[in-house]
Amino acid sequence: MSEKRFEIIDKQGKLEQFKVIRHNETGILYMHHLVGYAGGLTVLVDSQGKPLIDEEYKQ
């Protein structure tokens, strides 16, 4: 297991940024969106509304 609690696993953009962040204890994925001084964080969900879990993280 990683020593970090959260890890950025994907990042796109410079002025408008999108990041996919993984919680290293559960594997649940979050999206962070940043534009200028505004931003937001949300859990990524599947079509049934359940949190997405990183397939590569699953043991």
Protein backbone atom coordinates (compact mmCIF):
# COMPACT_ATOMS: atom_id res chain seq x y z
CA MET A 1 0.00 0.00 0.00
CA SER A 2 1.18 3.52 -0.75
CA GLU A 3 2.23 5.76 2.11
CA LYS A 4 0.09 8.56 0.64
CA ARG A 5 -3.60 8.61 1.47
CA PHE A 6 -4.50 10.11 -1.93
CA GLU A 7 -2.70 9.86 -5.26
CA ILE A 8 -3.21 11.75 -8.53
CA ILE A 9 -3.49 9.11 -11.24
CA ASP A 10 -4.44 11.31 -14.22
CA LYS A 11 -4.13 15.01 -14.98
CA GLN A 12 -5.23 17.10 -17.97
CA GLY A 13 -5.04 20.77 -18.85
CA LYS A 14 -3.12 23.81 -17.69
CA LEU A 15 -5.51 26.76 -17.28
CA GLU A 16 -8.51 24.49 -16.83
CA GLN A 17 -7.40 21.39 -14.93
CA PHE A 18 -9.01 18.02 -14.48
CA LYS A 19 -7.44 15.51 -12.09
CA VAL A 20 -8.49 11.97 -11.23
CA ILE A 21 -7.52 11.18 -7.65
CA ARG A 22 -7.48 7.73 -6.03
CA HIS A 23 -8.02 7.10 -2.32
CA ASN A 24 -5.28 4.56 -1.63
CA GLU A 25 -7.10 2.72 1.17
CA THR A 26 -10.31 2.02 -0.76
CA GLY A 27 -9.40 2.57 -4.44
CA ILE A 28 -12.35 4.95 -4.90
CA LEU A 29 -11.84 7.54 -7.66
CA TYR A 30 -12.57 11.28 -7.40
CA MET A 31 -12.50 14.06 -9.99
CA HIS A 32 -11.07 17.48 -9.15
CA HIS A 33 -11.85 20.34 -11.57
CA LEU A 34 -10.07 23.68 -11.29
CA VAL A 35 -10.59 26.87 -13.33
CA GLY A 36 -8.80 29.98 -12.08
CA TYR A 37 -9.73 30.36 -8.42
CA ALA A 38 -12.81 28.13 -8.61
CA GLY A 39 -12.83 24.37 -8.25
CA GLY A 40 -14.75 21.35 -7.19
CA LEU A 41 -14.27 17.76 -6.06
CA THR A 42 -16.69 14.89 -6.61
CA VAL A 43 -16.69 11.12 -6.43
CA LEU A 44 -16.88 9.34 -9.79
CA VAL A 45 -19.85 6.96 -10.05
CA ASP A 46 -20.99 4.23 -12.44
CA SER A 47 -24.38 4.08 -14.20
CA GLN A 48 -25.99 2.68 -11.03
CA GLY A 49 -24.66 5.49 -8.83
CA LYS A 50 -22.04 3.35 -7.08
CA PRO A 51 -18.54 4.80 -6.57
CA LEU A 52 -16.00 3.83 -9.23
CA ILE A 53 -13.08 1.77 -7.94
CA ASP A 54 -9.74 1.77 -9.76
CA GLU A 55 -9.49 -1.63 -11.49
CA GLU A 56 -5.68 -1.60 -11.29
CA TYR A 57 -5.90 -0.96 -7.53
CA LYS A 58 -8.14 -3.95 -6.77
CA GLN A 59 -6.20 -6.76 -5.13
